[in-house]
Amino acid sequence: MKSTQNEKILQIKNETLVIGIDIGKDTHYARAFDSRGIELAKLLRFSNSAEGYNALRTWMQSTMQQKGKTDAIVGFEPTGHYWFSLGDYLRNQGYKLGIVNPYHVKCARELDDNRQTKTDLKDPKTIAMLVKDGRYRDVYIPSNCYQELREAVLERERLVEQMTALSNQVIRWLDIRFPEFTKVFKSWKGKTAFATLKQFPTPVKVAQAGPEGLIALWQQHVKRNYALKAQQLFQAAKTSIGRVSGSNAAEVVLQNLLVQYELAASQLEQIEALLSDLVLTVPHSDTLLDVKGIGKLSTAVIISEIGEIQRFSSPRQIVSLAGLSLIENSSGRHKGQTTISKRGRKRLREALFRVMIPLLANNAEFRAMHQRNITRDQNPLTKMQSVIALCGKLIRVIYALLSKGCRYDASKLVQDMNRSMMAA
C-alpha cells in the first residue's frame, strides 16, 4: 500500500523475473518475461495441487538460474477464491505478489494482436506486461488475528443473508396461507408469533385451538396476558382468505423454514460472540470502542477489512481502499458531478456508512460536524454528502487510534472542527 506506480516500476530491475499466471479452478498457466517484456521460458501448465505448485517453483528457479535473475515477482488476476492457496504458497516461498485488475486485463488483451481472443496462452502474457509496467497492486494476505476476523466476518455475513432469505420465504408463505397473521403480529419472529407458527401454522388449526389453546401455548414462553391478541388471531383465522389446498405439504415447508431459521439464528449468536472476543486481540482495537456509537461488531468488520494498520502510510490510502475517493467527470465547458469512486472494498464502505448512522445519533462531535456541513454558508453539503465526508473523517480517526494507540479525545475533534471553521 506504500508503493506508487513509479516505485513499482523501479522494483522491476534487469535481475527481476516477471511471471504472469492465468488462474483456473483445476489448472493454471504461467509465462516468464524479463523487465523489457522478452519471454524467457516456454509456457508452463500446472495443476492446482502440491505437485503442480512444486513444478511451478522448480520451473521458476530453473529459469532464474539460466537467465541470471536474482528475484521474481508473480502477477495474477484475483479469480474468485481459486488464487488463495497458490497465493499462500508463493508468499511462503518468499516471492513478491501482485494482483492486476481483471478490467485492465480485458482492455490490454488486444494490444499485441488487435484481436478479441482470450486464451490460456495470451492471458499470462497480458498479466505479466501489466506487472512490468507497474499496473498492479500489492497482494495483502491477512495473518493471525486479522485472518481470523475476516473469516468470522464473512461467516456472519453469510448467516445474515441466509436469515434474510428465510424470512422472506416465511413472509411469502404467510401471504399465501395466512395473510391475516401479520396484521395481528407486527413480526413473525417474536416469541409468541414464532411459537404459534410452530404449533398452529394454519388458520384451521388456530381456529381449532381457540383463544384458550393459544393463551395456554403463549404462557409457556411469556408471562404477559395476551387474551385480547388471542381473540384477534382466533377471529382472523375464522375468516381467513388463505389458500387451503395442499395444506399438509405447506405445513412441512413452513416447519422446515422455521427450523432452518432457528439454527441460523443460533449460529449467528455464536459467531458474533466469537467476533467480540477476536476483535479484542487486535492491537489498540479497544481504543475504537471509546468512540461513542461504535460497537464491537462494527469495529470487527472495519478492522477485518483494513487489516494491519502499519501497511498504510496515510489515511488517504484507506479512503481509497474503501472506494470513497472523489472523482469528477468533466470535459471542456461541461463540468460533471463529483461522486465517490466506489472502487475498493465494498464491505468496508458499507461498514463505515452503517456505523455513521448510530454515530450521528449518539456522538455529539460527529453530530455537530454533520450539522455544520449541511448549514455552512459556503458550499453547504446535502445530508448524504455530509455522511460520506464524515466517513472519511472517521477513517482518519480510526487511523490515528490504531496506528498510535492513543485514546479517543472528543475535545481534539472539536478543536479541529473549530480550526477548519475559522480557516474557512
Protein backbone atom coordinates (compact mmCIF):
# COMPACT_ATOMS: atom_id res chain seq x y z
CA MET A 1 0.00 0.00 0.00
CA LYS A 2 3.01 2.30 0.33
CA SER A 3 4.15 1.99 -3.33
CA THR A 4 3.36 4.46 -6.07
CA GLN A 5 3.39 3.33 -9.71
CA ASN A 6 6.87 4.82 -10.21
CA GLU A 7 8.17 2.89 -7.20
CA LYS A 8 6.58 -0.29 -8.54
CA ILE A 9 8.25 0.19 -11.93
CA LEU A 10 11.61 0.80 -10.26
CA GLN A 11 11.25 -2.52 -8.43
CA ILE A 12 11.30 -4.31 -11.80
CA LYS A 13 15.04 -4.44 -12.48
CA ASN A 14 17.15 -6.27 -15.05
CA GLU A 15 17.63 -9.03 -12.49
CA THR A 16 13.87 -9.43 -11.95
CA LEU A 17 11.88 -12.31 -13.45
CA VAL A 18 8.28 -11.29 -14.18
CA ILE A 19 5.80 -14.16 -14.01
CA GLY A 20 2.22 -13.91 -15.27
CA ILE A 21 -0.22 -16.62 -14.16
CA ASP A 22 -3.71 -17.25 -15.51
CA ILE A 23 -5.61 -18.73 -12.57
CA GLY A 24 -8.13 -21.54 -13.08
CA LYS A 25 -10.06 -23.90 -10.84
CA ASP A 26 -8.06 -27.03 -11.64
CA THR A 27 -5.27 -25.83 -13.93
CA HIS A 28 -3.06 -22.72 -14.03
CA TYR A 29 -0.90 -21.33 -16.85
CA ALA A 30 2.34 -19.37 -16.35
CA ARG A 31 4.72 -17.43 -18.60
CA ALA A 32 8.04 -15.76 -17.72
CA PHE A 33 9.45 -12.45 -19.02
CA ASP A 34 12.26 -10.05 -18.26
CA SER A 35 11.98 -6.36 -17.42
CA ARG A 36 11.74 -5.44 -21.15
CA GLY A 37 8.94 -7.89 -21.92
CA ILE A 38 11.08 -10.54 -23.64
CA GLU A 39 9.85 -14.08 -22.96
CA LEU A 40 12.43 -16.26 -21.23
CA ALA A 41 10.77 -19.68 -20.99
CA LYS A 42 8.06 -21.83 -22.52
CA LEU A 43 4.50 -21.77 -21.23
CA LEU A 44 4.04 -23.83 -18.05
CA ARG A 45 0.77 -25.65 -17.46
CA PHE A 46 0.47 -26.88 -13.87
CA SER A 47 -2.31 -28.32 -11.73
CA ASN A 48 -3.86 -26.82 -8.64
CA SER A 49 -2.14 -29.31 -6.35
CA ALA A 50 1.01 -29.76 -4.31
CA GLU A 51 2.70 -31.44 -7.30
CA GLY A 52 1.70 -28.54 -9.54
CA TYR A 53 2.99 -25.94 -7.08
CA ASN A 54 6.31 -27.75 -6.81
CA ALA A 55 6.51 -27.86 -10.61
CA LEU A 56 5.97 -24.09 -10.71
CA ARG A 57 8.70 -23.49 -8.14
CA THR A 58 11.15 -25.74 -10.00
CA TRP A 59 10.33 -24.02 -13.31
CA MET A 60 10.83 -20.56 -11.79
CA GLN A 61 14.11 -21.45 -10.10
CA SER A 62 15.43 -23.10 -13.26
CA THR A 63 14.51 -20.08 -15.39
CA MET A 64 16.08 -17.66 -12.91
CA GLN A 65 19.29 -19.69 -12.84
CA GLN A 66 19.52 -19.99 -16.63
CA LYS A 67 18.78 -16.32 -17.30
CA GLY A 68 20.77 -14.84 -14.43
CA LYS A 69 17.82 -13.50 -12.46
CA THR A 70 18.06 -12.99 -8.71
CA ASP A 71 14.46 -12.22 -7.76
CA ALA A 72 10.96 -12.67 -9.13
CA ILE A 73 7.52 -11.09 -8.98
CA VAL A 74 4.38 -13.09 -9.71
CA GLY A 75 1.24 -11.42 -11.05
CA PHE A 76 -2.27 -12.82 -11.50
CA GLU A 77 -5.92 -11.86 -11.61
CA PRO A 78 -7.95 -12.32 -8.39
CA THR A 79 -10.14 -15.01 -9.97
CA GLY A 80 -12.68 -15.72 -7.24
CA HIS A 81 -11.20 -17.80 -4.45
CA TYR A 82 -9.06 -20.01 -6.68
CA TRP A 83 -5.89 -17.98 -6.09
CA PHE A 84 -5.93 -18.21 -2.29
CA SER A 85 -3.95 -21.45 -1.96
CA LEU A 86 -1.45 -20.51 -4.67
CA GLY A 87 -1.02 -17.05 -3.16
CA ASP A 88 -0.29 -18.52 0.27
CA TYR A 89 2.22 -20.95 -1.25
CA LEU A 90 4.12 -18.30 -3.22
CA ARG A 91 4.17 -15.91 -0.27
CA ASN A 92 5.58 -18.63 1.98
CA GLN A 93 8.26 -19.25 -0.66
CA GLY A 94 9.28 -15.61 -0.36
CA TYR A 95 8.10 -14.34 -3.75
CA LYS A 96 6.60 -10.88 -4.24
CA LEU A 97 2.99 -10.99 -5.43
CA GLY A 98 0.98 -8.53 -7.50
CA ILE A 99 -2.71 -8.50 -8.39
CA VAL A 100 -3.89 -6.94 -11.65
CA ASN A 101 -7.38 -5.60 -12.26
CA PRO A 102 -9.44 -8.00 -14.45
CA TYR A 103 -10.84 -4.99 -16.30
CA HIS A 104 -7.29 -3.86 -17.12
CA VAL A 105 -6.50 -7.33 -18.46
CA LYS A 106 -9.59 -7.20 -20.66
CA CYS A 107 -8.63 -3.78 -22.05
CA ALA A 108 -4.94 -4.63 -22.59
CA ARG A 109 -5.56 -8.05 -24.15
CA GLU A 110 -5.83 -6.66 -27.70
CA LEU A 111 -2.64 -4.57 -27.63
CA ASP A 112 -0.42 -7.32 -29.08
CA ASP A 113 -2.52 -8.69 -31.95
CA ASN A 114 -5.60 -6.39 -32.14
CA ARG A 115 -7.85 -9.42 -31.65
CA GLN A 116 -10.57 -10.08 -29.08
CA THR A 117 -9.39 -13.65 -28.47
CA LYS A 118 -8.94 -14.84 -24.91
CA THR A 119 -6.75 -17.90 -24.43
CA ASP A 120 -4.70 -19.57 -21.74
CA LEU A 121 -1.58 -18.66 -23.73
CA LYS A 122 -2.47 -14.99 -24.16
CA ASP A 123 -3.68 -14.00 -20.68
CA PRO A 124 -0.47 -14.82 -18.72
CA LYS A 125 1.50 -12.53 -21.05
CA THR A 126 -1.03 -9.71 -20.69
CA ILE A 127 -0.87 -10.05 -16.89
CA ALA A 128 2.94 -10.07 -16.90
CA MET A 129 3.10 -6.94 -19.09
CA LEU A 130 0.79 -5.08 -16.70
CA VAL A 131 3.01 -6.08 -13.79
CA LYS A 132 6.12 -4.99 -15.72
CA ASP A 133 4.58 -1.55 -16.23
CA GLY A 134 3.70 -1.20 -12.54
CA ARG A 135 -0.05 -1.53 -13.17
CA TYR A 136 -0.75 -3.84 -10.26
CA ARG A 137 -1.42 -3.64 -6.57
CA ASP A 138 0.39 -5.46 -3.81
CA VAL A 139 -1.26 -8.60 -2.55
CA TYR A 140 -2.36 -8.44 1.04
CA ILE A 141 -2.98 -11.79 2.72
CA PRO A 142 -4.11 -11.24 6.34
CA SER A 143 -2.39 -13.25 9.02
CA ASN A 144 -3.07 -14.29 12.60
CA CYS A 145 -5.96 -12.42 14.23
CA TYR A 146 -6.73 -10.42 11.09
CA GLN A 147 -7.40 -13.56 9.05
CA GLU A 148 -9.48 -14.97 11.91
CA LEU A 149 -11.53 -11.76 11.95
CA ARG A 150 -12.06 -11.77 8.20
CA GLU A 151 -13.22 -15.39 8.18
CA ALA A 152 -15.63 -14.74 11.06
CA VAL A 153 -17.00 -11.58 9.40
CA LEU A 154 -17.63 -13.49 6.16
CA GLU A 155 -19.45 -16.23 8.06
CA ARG A 156 -21.59 -13.67 9.89
CA GLU A 157 -22.46 -12.02 6.58
CA ARG A 158 -23.44 -15.40 5.12
CA LEU A 159 -25.70 -16.17 8.09
CA VAL A 160 -27.37 -12.75 7.93
CA GLU A 161 -28.06 -13.23 4.21
CA GLN A 162 -29.40 -16.72 4.87
CA MET A 163 -31.72 -15.47 7.63
CA THR A 164 -32.97 -12.66 5.39
CA ALA A 165 -33.75 -15.15 2.61
CA LEU A 166 -35.54 -17.49 5.06
CA SER A 167 -37.52 -14.57 6.50
CA ASN A 168 -38.68 -13.58 3.03
CA GLN A 169 -39.79 -17.15 2.35
CA VAL A 170 -41.77 -17.27 5.61
CA ILE A 171 -43.47 -13.97 4.75
CA ARG A 172 -44.34 -15.34 1.32
CA TRP A 173 -45.80 -18.46 2.95
CA LEU A 174 -47.94 -16.34 5.27
CA ASP A 175 -49.13 -14.14 2.39
CA ILE A 176 -50.42 -17.26 0.68
CA ARG A 177 -51.66 -19.38 3.60
CA PHE A 178 -52.46 -16.95 6.44
CA PRO A 179 -52.30 -13.29 5.30
CA GLU A 180 -54.16 -12.07 8.40
CA PHE A 181 -51.36 -13.32 10.68
CA THR A 182 -49.11 -10.31 10.02
CA LYS A 183 -51.98 -7.95 10.87
CA VAL A 184 -52.24 -9.41 14.35
CA PHE A 185 -48.48 -9.72 14.93
CA LYS A 186 -46.10 -6.97 13.84
CA SER A 187 -43.34 -9.53 13.31
CA TRP A 188 -43.49 -13.29 12.91
CA LYS A 189 -40.08 -13.54 14.65
CA GLY A 190 -41.40 -12.65 18.13
CA LYS A 191 -41.62 -15.37 20.78
CA THR A 192 -45.40 -15.73 20.73
CA ALA A 193 -45.70 -15.44 16.95
CA PHE A 194 -42.89 -17.93 16.35
CA ALA A 195 -44.37 -20.42 18.83
CA THR A 196 -47.77 -20.06 17.17
CA LEU A 197 -46.41 -20.82 13.72
CA LYS A 198 -44.67 -23.93 15.03
CA GLN A 199 -47.73 -25.24 16.88
CA PHE A 200 -50.70 -23.85 14.93
CA PRO A 201 -49.39 -22.82 11.49
CA THR A 202 -52.65 -22.69 9.53
CA PRO A 203 -55.90 -20.77 10.13
CA VAL A 204 -57.74 -24.10 10.52
CA LYS A 205 -55.50 -25.21 13.41
CA VAL A 206 -55.72 -21.79 15.07
CA ALA A 207 -59.50 -21.95 14.89
CA GLN A 208 -59.48 -25.47 16.33
CA ALA A 209 -57.24 -24.43 19.24
CA GLY A 210 -59.41 -21.41 20.09
CA PRO A 211 -58.35 -18.48 22.29
CA GLU A 212 -57.82 -20.78 25.27
CA GLY A 213 -55.40 -23.01 23.38
CA LEU A 214 -53.45 -20.02 22.11
CA ILE A 215 -53.15 -18.48 25.58
CA ALA A 216 -52.01 -21.82 27.05
CA LEU A 217 -49.29 -22.04 24.43
CA TRP A 218 -48.12 -18.45 24.85
CA GLN A 219 -47.89 -18.70 28.64
CA GLN A 220 -45.10 -21.24 28.15
CA HIS A 221 -42.98 -18.52 26.57
CA VAL A 222 -44.09 -15.18 28.09
CA LYS A 223 -45.76 -14.11 31.32
CA ARG A 224 -47.95 -11.33 29.91
CA ASN A 225 -51.67 -11.81 29.40
CA TYR A 226 -52.43 -11.89 25.67
CA ALA A 227 -56.14 -12.61 25.88
CA LEU A 228 -57.08 -9.78 23.50
CA LYS A 229 -54.47 -10.77 20.93
CA ALA A 230 -55.57 -14.40 21.19
CA GLN A 231 -59.14 -13.37 20.46
CA GLN A 232 -57.98 -11.25 17.50
CA LEU A 233 -55.96 -14.11 16.00
CA PHE A 234 -58.85 -16.53 16.53
CA GLN A 235 -61.29 -14.22 14.72
CA ALA A 236 -58.79 -13.64 11.91
CA ALA A 237 -58.32 -17.39 11.48
CA LYS A 238 -62.09 -17.99 11.26
CA THR A 239 -62.44 -15.51 8.38
CA SER A 240 -59.06 -16.11 6.73
CA ILE A 241 -58.82 -15.99 2.94
CA GLY A 242 -55.63 -18.06 2.88
CA ARG A 243 -55.27 -20.95 0.45
CA VAL A 244 -56.43 -24.26 1.91
CA SER A 245 -55.50 -26.81 -0.75
CA GLY A 246 -52.15 -28.54 -0.22
CA SER A 247 -52.06 -27.64 3.47
CA ASN A 248 -50.21 -30.77 4.61
CA ALA A 249 -47.23 -30.20 2.35
CA ALA A 250 -47.34 -26.45 3.05
CA GLU A 251 -47.06 -27.10 6.80
CA VAL A 252 -43.97 -29.22 6.22
CA VAL A 253 -42.44 -26.41 4.17
CA LEU A 254 -43.10 -23.87 6.94
CA GLN A 255 -41.70 -26.12 9.66
CA ASN A 256 -38.52 -26.64 7.62
CA LEU A 257 -38.12 -22.87 7.19
CA LEU A 258 -38.61 -22.26 10.91
CA VAL A 259 -36.08 -24.95 11.88
CA GLN A 260 -33.51 -23.52 9.47
CA TYR A 261 -34.12 -20.00 10.78
CA GLU A 262 -33.69 -21.12 14.40
CA LEU A 263 -30.44 -22.89 13.53
CA ALA A 264 -29.09 -19.89 11.62
CA ALA A 265 -30.05 -17.55 14.49
CA SER A 266 -28.20 -19.77 16.96
CA GLN A 267 -25.14 -19.90 14.69
CA LEU A 268 -25.25 -16.13 14.27
CA GLU A 269 -25.24 -15.66 18.03
CA GLN A 270 -22.18 -17.91 18.32
CA ILE A 271 -20.23 -16.17 15.55
CA GLU A 272 -20.99 -12.72 16.97
CA ALA A 273 -19.73 -13.86 20.36
CA LEU A 274 -16.56 -15.10 18.65
CA LEU A 275 -16.17 -11.77 16.84
CA SER A 276 -16.49 -9.87 20.11
CA ASP A 277 -13.60 -11.91 21.53
CA LEU A 278 -11.44 -11.81 18.40
CA VAL A 279 -11.61 -8.04 17.95
CA LEU A 280 -10.03 -7.51 21.36
CA THR A 281 -6.95 -9.49 20.24
CA VAL A 282 -6.10 -6.81 17.64
CA PRO A 283 -3.55 -4.26 18.95
CA HIS A 284 -5.19 -0.98 20.06
CA SER A 285 -8.67 -2.12 18.93
CA ASP A 286 -10.04 -1.17 22.35
CA THR A 287 -9.35 2.49 21.52
CA LEU A 288 -12.08 2.41 18.87
CA LEU A 289 -14.61 1.34 21.49
CA ASP A 290 -14.00 4.67 23.23
CA VAL A 291 -15.80 6.38 20.33
CA LYS A 292 -19.42 6.65 21.40
CA GLY A 293 -21.59 4.96 18.78
CA ILE A 294 -19.07 2.30 17.66
CA GLY A 295 -19.60 -1.22 18.98
CA LYS A 296 -17.56 -4.41 18.88
CA LEU A 297 -19.23 -5.84 15.79
CA SER A 298 -18.72 -2.63 13.80
CA THR A 299 -15.11 -2.50 14.94
CA ALA A 300 -14.60 -6.13 13.95
CA VAL A 301 -15.91 -5.57 10.41
CA ILE A 302 -13.86 -2.41 9.86
CA ILE A 303 -10.60 -3.90 11.17
CA SER A 304 -11.10 -7.14 9.22
CA GLU A 305 -11.31 -5.12 6.01
CA ILE A 306 -8.43 -2.76 6.79
CA GLY A 307 -6.05 -5.37 8.20
CA GLU A 308 -2.73 -4.34 9.72
CA ILE A 309 -2.73 -0.57 10.00
CA GLN A 310 1.08 -0.47 9.58
CA ARG A 311 0.78 -1.24 5.87
CA PHE A 312 -0.69 2.23 5.30
CA SER A 313 1.38 5.40 5.35
CA SER A 314 -1.63 7.72 5.25
CA PRO A 315 -5.36 7.57 5.99
CA ARG A 316 -5.92 8.67 2.39
CA GLN A 317 -4.90 5.19 1.31
CA ILE A 318 -7.68 3.71 3.46
CA VAL A 319 -10.13 6.21 1.95
CA SER A 320 -9.09 4.93 -1.48
CA LEU A 321 -9.31 1.32 -0.29
CA ALA A 322 -12.91 1.93 0.77
CA GLY A 323 -13.80 3.47 -2.60
CA LEU A 324 -14.57 6.84 -1.01
CA SER A 325 -12.15 8.86 -3.15
CA LEU A 326 -13.81 11.74 -5.02
CA ILE A 327 -13.90 11.60 -8.82
CA GLU A 328 -15.07 14.15 -11.37
CA ASN A 329 -16.14 13.70 -14.98
CA SER A 330 -15.54 16.98 -16.84
CA SER A 331 -14.67 17.94 -20.39
CA GLY A 332 -14.39 21.40 -21.94
CA ARG A 333 -17.25 23.55 -20.69
CA HIS A 334 -19.05 20.58 -19.21
CA LYS A 335 -18.44 20.11 -15.50
CA GLY A 336 -19.69 16.76 -14.28
CA GLN A 337 -20.96 15.98 -10.82
CA THR A 338 -18.38 14.94 -8.25
CA THR A 339 -19.04 11.46 -6.85
CA ILE A 340 -17.17 8.77 -4.97
CA SER A 341 -15.23 6.18 -6.96
CA LYS A 342 -16.79 3.08 -5.35
CA ARG A 343 -13.65 1.21 -6.44
CA GLY A 344 -12.37 -0.61 -3.42
CA ARG A 345 -13.61 -2.89 -0.69
CA LYS A 346 -17.38 -2.70 -0.76
CA ARG A 347 -17.74 -4.32 2.65
CA LEU A 348 -15.53 -1.65 4.26
CA ARG A 349 -17.50 1.14 2.60
CA GLU A 350 -20.80 -0.34 3.78
CA ALA A 351 -19.48 -0.84 7.31
CA LEU A 352 -18.37 2.80 7.54
CA PHE A 353 -21.72 4.03 6.25
CA ARG A 354 -23.70 1.82 8.63
CA VAL A 355 -21.67 2.85 11.66
CA MET A 356 -22.10 6.51 10.75
CA ILE A 357 -25.87 6.36 11.36
CA PRO A 358 -25.60 5.49 15.09
CA LEU A 359 -22.64 7.86 15.35
CA LEU A 360 -24.79 10.78 14.22
CA ALA A 361 -27.48 9.74 16.69
CA ASN A 362 -25.24 9.16 19.73
CA ASN A 363 -21.97 11.04 19.19
CA ALA A 364 -22.16 14.78 19.86
CA GLU A 365 -18.93 15.59 17.98
CA PHE A 366 -19.92 13.89 14.73
CA ARG A 367 -23.45 15.25 15.02
CA ALA A 368 -22.02 18.78 15.33
CA MET A 369 -19.79 18.27 12.28
CA HIS A 370 -22.74 16.94 10.31
CA GLN A 371 -24.85 19.97 11.26
CA ARG A 372 -22.02 22.30 10.26
CA ASN A 373 -21.62 20.58 6.87
CA ILE A 374 -25.26 20.96 5.89
CA THR A 375 -25.77 24.52 7.22
CA ARG A 376 -22.50 26.31 6.40
CA ASP A 377 -22.76 29.47 4.30
CA GLN A 378 -20.30 28.49 1.58
CA ASN A 379 -20.85 25.28 -0.37
CA PRO A 380 -23.27 23.53 2.03
CA LEU A 381 -23.47 19.76 1.59
CA THR A 382 -26.53 17.60 1.26
CA LYS A 383 -27.15 15.16 4.09
CA MET A 384 -25.79 12.24 2.08
CA GLN A 385 -22.70 14.19 1.01
CA SER A 386 -22.07 15.07 4.63
CA VAL A 387 -22.37 11.43 5.69
CA ILE A 388 -19.81 10.43 3.04
CA ALA A 389 -17.46 13.23 4.15
CA LEU A 390 -17.79 12.14 7.77
CA CYS A 391 -16.94 8.55 6.75
CA GLY A 392 -13.61 9.96 5.56
CA LYS A 393 -13.22 11.80 8.86
CA LEU A 394 -13.95 8.58 10.75
CA ILE A 395 -11.23 6.82 8.74
CA ARG A 396 -8.74 9.47 9.89
CA VAL A 397 -9.81 8.94 13.50
CA ILE A 398 -9.50 5.17 13.14
CA TYR A 399 -6.05 5.50 11.56
CA ALA A 400 -4.80 7.71 14.38
CA LEU A 401 -6.17 5.45 17.11
CA LEU A 402 -4.91 2.17 15.64
CA SER A 403 -1.50 3.41 14.48
CA LYS A 404 -0.61 5.45 17.58
CA GLY A 405 -2.53 3.53 20.24
CA CYS A 406 -3.76 6.79 21.78
CA ARG A 407 -7.14 7.14 23.45
CA TYR A 408 -10.03 8.87 21.75
CA ASP A 409 -10.26 12.55 22.74
CA ALA A 410 -13.51 14.27 21.76
CA SER A 411 -12.08 17.71 22.58
CA LYS A 412 -9.40 17.35 19.87
CA LEU A 413 -12.07 16.57 17.31
CA VAL A 414 -14.00 19.68 18.34
CA GLN A 415 -10.81 21.79 18.17
CA ASP A 416 -10.10 20.53 14.65
CA MET A 417 -13.63 21.44 13.62
CA ASN A 418 -13.31 24.94 15.11
CA ARG A 419 -9.97 25.49 13.34
CA SER A 420 -11.41 24.46 10.00
CA MET A 421 -14.36 26.82 10.51
CA MET A 422 -12.02 29.74 11.31
CA ALA A 423 -9.89 28.94 8.24
CA ALA A 424 -12.98 28.93 6.05
